[in-house]
Amino acid sequence: MVSYLRISNTRVTTKRLIHYENTNFLGRLHGGDMLNFLVDTGMISAMKVARGLAVIASIDDVVFKKPIMLGDIIDIEAEVDYVGNTSMEVSMRAIKGDEVLVEAFATYVKVDEFLRPTIVENKVYAESNEELERYNKALKRRQERAENIKDRIRKRYDTSDPTYGLRYRTESTYFVTPDMTYDGRIISAGKLLKLMDDIGGALCLNYISEEGAVVTVSINSTSFYTPIRLSDIIKIRAGISYIGSTSFEVILNVIRLDPRNFVEEHVTTAYFNYVRIDKSGRPTKVKEYTPITEREKQVYQEAIERRKKFLKS
């Protein structure tokens, strides 16, 4: 039987006290931990509507508006703004007092025991003008995203390395253990994003090779093409695509390897943006970077176009 839930009734709030393990040496919250908080809270809201397991399919541009510090207490809120056939549009935000520090929007898909998409029987409705506005914005995001994911099957099996030919690149391999999963079957999207953020940040720090720190300031829209399961092997490839006066863009490409047959699948490719800061937390200069090879020039120009598009949005 279909149930109709008011958008506000799908809200889930999680409270977080920022501990030492969540912060850098300046006592500032890691961007990867913030992403973890957001997408896990979003998943709970999606599951509340789906009445079953829901996995993330995509996340829109995320901007970190203000730093969150050691000892801060923040609320993470998530609500389902729109329900489609098998998917749900979820809005998430991190709040300190009355101030929104981070806002994000993601799509979650309800899956069955075999991790296949399945029908979401419940729907949501707007009961106020504010909720109607959010419903319409979610529908618009969904329509705009459809163009980007129409070839998701092809992308799932495209395991080419977008960081090849870059001088500043690295990669790391992980075995998916139970503590990395939601339910002993599928990896936590938040933990995956945290791993990606850590590797991207480490690559930037290697480039600096001096005293200082880098902080995550944003991630570009990201789609997930296949789930990662318990006992899978995941490879994360990272390459610096752009360096400005104080900032970096890093390509992060995730590949899933099924240990039963050693078939590889493309999980996601994302673009994380970092800024170098000094001991007082202010942006500080990065040594000059000039792309040399044709591959580096191509990737650098693509990054500039992404930055232009991001600033216009």
Protein backbone atom coordinates (compact mmCIF):
# COMPACT_ATOMS: atom_id res chain seq x y z
CA MET A 1 0.00 0.00 0.00
CA VAL A 2 1.31 3.45 -0.97
CA SER A 3 1.79 5.90 1.88
CA TYR A 4 2.18 9.64 1.42
CA LEU A 5 4.58 11.42 3.73
CA ARG A 6 4.91 15.15 4.16
CA ILE A 7 8.44 16.23 3.24
CA SER A 8 9.11 17.50 6.77
CA ASN A 9 8.13 14.08 8.17
CA THR A 10 11.06 12.46 6.31
CA ARG A 11 13.55 14.58 8.24
CA VAL A 12 16.34 12.82 10.09
CA THR A 13 18.77 14.69 12.37
CA THR A 14 22.08 13.36 13.65
CA LYS A 15 24.14 15.29 16.18
CA ARG A 16 27.95 15.27 15.93
CA LEU A 17 30.60 16.35 18.41
CA ILE A 18 33.82 16.95 16.49
CA HIS A 19 36.60 14.80 18.00
CA TYR A 20 40.37 14.84 17.50
CA GLU A 21 40.24 11.97 15.00
CA ASN A 22 37.98 14.07 12.75
CA THR A 23 40.39 17.02 12.51
CA ASN A 24 43.77 18.10 11.11
CA PHE A 25 46.61 19.55 13.18
CA LEU A 26 44.87 22.94 13.16
CA GLY A 27 41.80 21.40 14.79
CA ARG A 28 39.73 21.80 11.62
CA LEU A 29 37.25 19.12 10.51
CA HIS A 30 38.41 17.01 7.55
CA GLY A 31 36.22 17.43 4.47
CA GLY A 32 36.01 13.66 4.11
CA ASP A 33 34.53 13.30 7.58
CA MET A 34 31.94 15.96 6.75
CA LEU A 35 30.99 14.08 3.58
CA ASN A 36 30.70 10.91 5.65
CA PHE A 37 28.32 12.61 8.09
CA LEU A 38 26.18 14.04 5.28
CA VAL A 39 25.72 10.97 3.09
CA ASP A 40 25.11 8.61 6.02
CA THR A 41 22.39 10.88 7.41
CA GLY A 42 20.93 11.19 3.92
CA MET A 43 20.85 7.42 3.64
CA ILE A 44 18.84 7.12 6.86
CA SER A 45 16.27 9.60 5.57
CA ALA A 46 16.05 7.71 2.26
CA MET A 47 15.62 4.40 4.08
CA LYS A 48 12.86 5.92 6.20
CA VAL A 49 10.87 6.54 3.01
CA ALA A 50 12.01 3.42 1.12
CA ARG A 51 11.47 1.10 4.10
CA GLY A 52 14.50 -0.82 2.98
CA LEU A 53 18.16 -0.42 2.06
CA ALA A 54 18.99 2.64 -0.05
CA VAL A 55 22.37 3.31 -1.67
CA ILE A 56 23.75 6.55 -3.03
CA ALA A 57 23.65 6.99 -6.81
CA SER A 58 24.95 10.55 -7.14
CA ILE A 59 25.81 13.65 -5.18
CA ASP A 60 25.68 17.20 -6.53
CA ASP A 61 28.30 19.91 -6.06
CA VAL A 62 29.20 20.32 -2.40
CA VAL A 63 30.69 23.56 -1.05
CA PHE A 64 32.18 23.90 2.44
CA LYS A 65 31.15 27.43 3.42
CA LYS A 66 32.88 27.76 6.79
CA PRO A 67 35.38 25.71 8.78
CA ILE A 68 34.12 23.40 11.50
CA MET A 69 36.45 23.09 14.45
CA LEU A 70 37.46 20.63 17.16
CA GLY A 71 34.82 20.59 19.91
CA ASP A 72 32.05 22.05 17.75
CA ILE A 73 28.63 20.45 18.04
CA ILE A 74 26.79 20.31 14.73
CA ASP A 75 23.46 18.96 13.55
CA ILE A 76 23.24 17.07 10.27
CA GLU A 77 19.74 17.22 8.77
CA ALA A 78 18.41 15.28 5.78
CA GLU A 79 15.01 15.17 4.10
CA VAL A 80 13.56 13.43 1.05
CA ASP A 81 12.29 16.16 -1.28
CA TYR A 82 11.10 13.99 -4.18
CA VAL A 83 10.43 10.29 -4.88
CA GLY A 84 10.66 8.73 -8.31
CA ASN A 85 10.20 5.12 -9.35
CA THR A 86 13.20 3.56 -7.56
CA SER A 87 15.09 6.68 -6.49
CA MET A 88 14.78 9.54 -4.02
CA GLU A 89 16.14 13.09 -4.09
CA VAL A 90 17.55 13.95 -0.67
CA SER A 91 18.75 17.31 0.69
CA MET A 92 21.32 17.44 3.48
CA ARG A 93 22.87 20.22 5.50
CA ALA A 94 25.24 20.72 8.41
CA ILE A 95 24.09 23.33 10.90
CA LYS A 96 25.77 25.02 13.84
CA GLY A 97 23.26 27.05 15.81
CA ASP A 98 21.20 28.80 13.13
CA GLU A 99 23.95 28.83 10.50
CA VAL A 100 24.13 26.39 7.59
CA LEU A 101 27.80 25.46 7.14
CA VAL A 102 27.47 22.88 4.37
CA GLU A 103 24.60 21.97 2.07
CA ALA A 104 24.41 19.00 -0.30
CA PHE A 105 21.93 17.19 -2.53
CA ALA A 106 22.07 13.51 -3.46
CA THR A 107 20.11 10.74 -5.13
CA TYR A 108 19.59 7.42 -3.35
CA VAL A 109 18.20 4.25 -4.91
CA LYS A 110 16.23 1.59 -3.06
CA VAL A 111 17.76 -1.86 -3.62
CA ASP A 112 16.69 -5.42 -2.83
CA GLU A 113 18.73 -8.15 -1.14
CA PHE A 114 20.69 -8.65 -4.38
CA LEU A 115 21.41 -4.90 -4.57
CA ARG A 116 19.13 -4.48 -7.58
CA PRO A 117 16.97 -1.31 -7.87
CA THR A 118 13.42 -1.86 -6.62
CA ILE A 119 10.24 0.18 -6.44
CA VAL A 120 9.81 2.83 -3.74
CA GLU A 121 6.15 2.50 -2.82
CA ASN A 122 5.97 5.52 -0.53
CA LYS A 123 5.73 9.04 -1.91
CA VAL A 124 6.23 12.54 -0.49
CA TYR A 125 4.10 15.64 -0.81
CA ALA A 126 4.46 19.34 -0.06
CA GLU A 127 2.15 20.93 2.48
CA SER A 128 3.62 24.43 2.51
CA ASN A 129 5.01 26.87 -0.04
CA GLU A 130 8.51 26.22 1.27
CA GLU A 131 8.11 22.48 0.80
CA LEU A 132 6.63 22.99 -2.67
CA GLU A 133 9.66 25.07 -3.65
CA ARG A 134 12.00 22.34 -2.45
CA TYR A 135 9.96 19.68 -4.26
CA ASN A 136 10.19 21.62 -7.53
CA LYS A 137 13.91 22.26 -7.13
CA ALA A 138 14.50 18.55 -6.49
CA LEU A 139 12.53 17.67 -9.62
CA LYS A 140 14.61 20.15 -11.64
CA ARG A 141 17.87 18.68 -10.31
CA ARG A 142 16.62 15.24 -11.23
CA GLN A 143 15.81 16.29 -14.79
CA GLU A 144 19.18 18.01 -15.25
CA ARG A 145 21.03 14.99 -13.88
CA ALA A 146 19.29 12.61 -16.28
CA GLU A 147 21.46 13.87 -19.14
CA ASN A 148 24.65 13.14 -17.22
CA ILE A 149 23.75 9.56 -16.28
CA LYS A 150 22.13 8.34 -19.51
CA ASP A 151 25.30 6.38 -20.40
CA ARG A 152 25.94 5.04 -16.89
CA ILE A 153 26.10 1.41 -18.12
CA ARG A 154 28.96 2.25 -20.48
CA LYS A 155 30.73 4.23 -17.76
CA ARG A 156 30.39 1.32 -15.34
CA TYR A 157 32.69 -0.77 -17.53
CA ASP A 158 35.06 2.03 -18.50
CA THR A 159 38.05 1.28 -16.25
CA SER A 160 40.52 3.52 -18.09
CA ASP A 161 42.75 5.66 -15.90
CA PRO A 162 41.95 9.41 -16.13
CA THR A 163 45.16 10.19 -14.19
CA TYR A 164 47.50 8.58 -16.72
CA GLY A 165 50.24 10.86 -18.02
CA LEU A 166 50.09 13.21 -15.02
CA ARG A 167 53.35 13.89 -13.20
CA TYR A 168 51.64 14.28 -9.84
CA ARG A 169 49.56 11.19 -9.25
CA THR A 170 49.27 8.30 -6.79
CA GLU A 171 47.07 5.31 -6.11
CA SER A 172 46.11 3.10 -3.20
CA THR A 173 44.39 -0.27 -2.86
CA TYR A 174 42.04 -1.44 -0.10
CA PHE A 175 40.28 -4.64 0.91
CA VAL A 176 36.69 -4.01 2.01
CA THR A 177 36.26 -5.27 5.58
CA PRO A 178 33.02 -5.48 7.64
CA ASP A 179 33.76 -2.25 9.53
CA MET A 180 33.69 -0.36 6.19
CA THR A 181 30.14 -1.54 5.38
CA TYR A 182 26.62 -0.50 6.37
CA ASP A 183 25.27 -3.97 6.96
CA GLY A 184 28.08 -6.43 6.27
CA ARG A 185 27.23 -6.41 2.55
CA ILE A 186 27.86 -3.01 0.96
CA ILE A 187 30.46 -0.33 1.61
CA SER A 188 29.46 2.86 3.39
CA ALA A 189 29.43 5.65 0.78
CA GLY A 190 30.62 8.01 3.49
CA LYS A 191 33.67 5.89 4.26
CA LEU A 192 34.47 5.67 0.55
CA LEU A 193 34.30 9.45 0.18
CA LYS A 194 36.50 9.81 3.25
CA LEU A 195 39.14 7.53 1.70
CA MET A 196 38.99 9.52 -1.53
CA ASP A 197 39.35 12.82 0.31
CA ASP A 198 42.33 11.55 2.32
CA ILE A 199 44.19 10.38 -0.79
CA GLY A 200 43.49 13.62 -2.64
CA GLY A 201 44.69 15.66 0.32
CA ALA A 202 47.83 13.53 0.72
CA LEU A 203 48.69 14.06 -2.95
CA CYS A 204 48.42 17.84 -2.51
CA LEU A 205 50.61 17.70 0.61
CA ASN A 206 53.23 15.73 -1.30
CA TYR A 207 53.28 18.47 -3.92
CA ILE A 208 53.72 21.18 -1.29
CA SER A 209 56.51 19.23 0.48
CA GLU A 210 56.67 22.07 3.00
CA GLU A 211 55.06 23.03 6.28
CA GLY A 212 51.34 23.67 5.98
CA ALA A 213 48.03 21.98 5.39
CA VAL A 214 45.36 21.61 2.75
CA VAL A 215 41.62 21.67 3.35
CA THR A 216 38.75 20.45 1.18
CA VAL A 217 36.64 23.34 -0.10
CA SER A 218 34.32 21.61 -2.58
CA ILE A 219 33.61 18.53 -4.67
CA ASN A 220 32.03 18.53 -8.11
CA SER A 221 28.92 16.54 -8.97
CA THR A 222 29.66 12.84 -8.70
CA SER A 223 27.83 9.73 -9.92
CA PHE A 224 28.25 6.18 -8.60
CA TYR A 225 27.89 3.45 -11.22
CA THR A 226 28.10 0.24 -9.19
CA PRO A 227 28.05 -0.69 -5.49
CA ILE A 228 31.15 -1.95 -3.66
CA ARG A 229 30.59 -5.14 -1.68
CA LEU A 230 32.18 -6.79 1.33
CA SER A 231 35.49 -8.48 0.41
CA ASP A 232 35.85 -6.49 -2.81
CA ILE A 233 39.18 -4.88 -3.59
CA ILE A 234 39.04 -1.18 -4.41
CA LYS A 235 41.69 0.88 -6.15
CA ILE A 236 41.66 4.67 -5.85
CA ARG A 237 43.70 6.58 -8.41
CA ALA A 238 44.43 10.28 -7.80
CA GLY A 239 46.02 12.89 -10.04
CA ILE A 240 46.47 16.65 -9.77
CA SER A 241 44.66 18.25 -12.71
CA TYR A 242 44.94 21.92 -11.79
CA ILE A 243 46.93 24.15 -9.47
CA GLY A 244 46.12 27.82 -8.94
CA SER A 245 47.76 30.38 -6.69
CA THR A 246 46.45 28.71 -3.50
CA SER A 247 44.23 25.87 -4.75
CA PHE A 248 44.28 22.38 -6.28
CA GLU A 249 41.86 20.22 -8.23
CA VAL A 250 42.41 16.47 -7.90
CA ILE A 251 40.87 13.76 -10.08
CA LEU A 252 39.82 10.77 -7.97
CA ASN A 253 38.95 7.57 -9.83
CA VAL A 254 37.62 4.49 -8.02
CA ILE A 255 37.75 0.97 -9.46
CA ARG A 256 36.08 -2.09 -7.94
CA LEU A 257 37.73 -5.50 -8.35
CA ASP A 258 35.60 -8.59 -7.70
CA PRO A 259 38.01 -11.11 -6.08
CA ARG A 260 35.92 -14.05 -7.28
CA ASN A 261 36.59 -13.45 -10.96
CA PHE A 262 38.95 -10.42 -11.00
CA VAL A 263 36.54 -8.43 -13.17
CA GLU A 264 37.03 -4.68 -12.80
CA GLU A 265 34.23 -2.08 -12.73
CA HIS A 266 34.28 1.70 -12.59
CA VAL A 267 32.65 2.96 -9.38
CA THR A 268 33.06 6.72 -9.73
CA THR A 269 35.28 9.54 -10.92
CA ALA A 270 35.15 12.73 -8.87
CA TYR A 271 36.89 16.09 -8.71
CA PHE A 272 37.86 17.36 -5.26
CA ASN A 273 39.07 20.93 -4.70
CA TYR A 274 41.54 21.85 -1.97
CA VAL A 275 43.12 25.05 -0.67
CA ARG A 276 46.49 25.33 1.02
CA ILE A 277 46.33 27.16 4.36
CA ASP A 278 48.91 28.43 6.83
CA LYS A 279 49.02 27.93 10.61
CA SER A 280 46.38 30.61 11.12
CA GLY A 281 44.03 28.99 8.62
CA ARG A 282 44.47 31.58 5.87
CA PRO A 283 44.95 30.60 2.21
CA THR A 284 48.61 30.68 1.24
CA LYS A 285 50.57 30.46 -2.00
CA VAL A 286 51.38 27.18 -3.71
CA LYS A 287 54.55 26.81 -5.78
CA GLU A 288 53.89 27.53 -9.43
CA TYR A 289 52.70 24.74 -11.68
CA THR A 290 52.85 24.65 -15.47
CA PRO A 291 51.39 21.74 -17.46
CA ILE A 292 54.07 20.32 -19.77
CA THR A 293 52.81 17.32 -21.75
CA GLU A 294 49.83 17.35 -24.09
CA ARG A 295 47.96 15.16 -21.62
CA GLU A 296 48.59 17.59 -18.74
CA LYS A 297 47.54 20.54 -20.90
CA GLN A 298 44.32 18.76 -21.85
CA VAL A 299 43.45 17.88 -18.24
CA TYR A 300 44.38 21.39 -17.08
CA GLN A 301 42.04 23.01 -19.64
CA GLU A 302 39.21 20.64 -18.69
CA ALA A 303 39.69 21.67 -15.05
CA ILE A 304 39.47 25.36 -15.98
CA GLU A 305 36.19 24.72 -17.80
CA ARG A 306 34.81 22.89 -14.75
CA ARG A 307 35.79 25.81 -12.52
CA LYS A 308 34.05 28.29 -14.83
CA LYS A 309 30.90 26.18 -14.86
CA PHE A 310 31.02 25.74 -11.08
CA LEU A 311 31.36 29.50 -10.47
CA LYS A 312 28.36 30.21 -12.72
CA SER A 313 26.09 27.78 -10.87
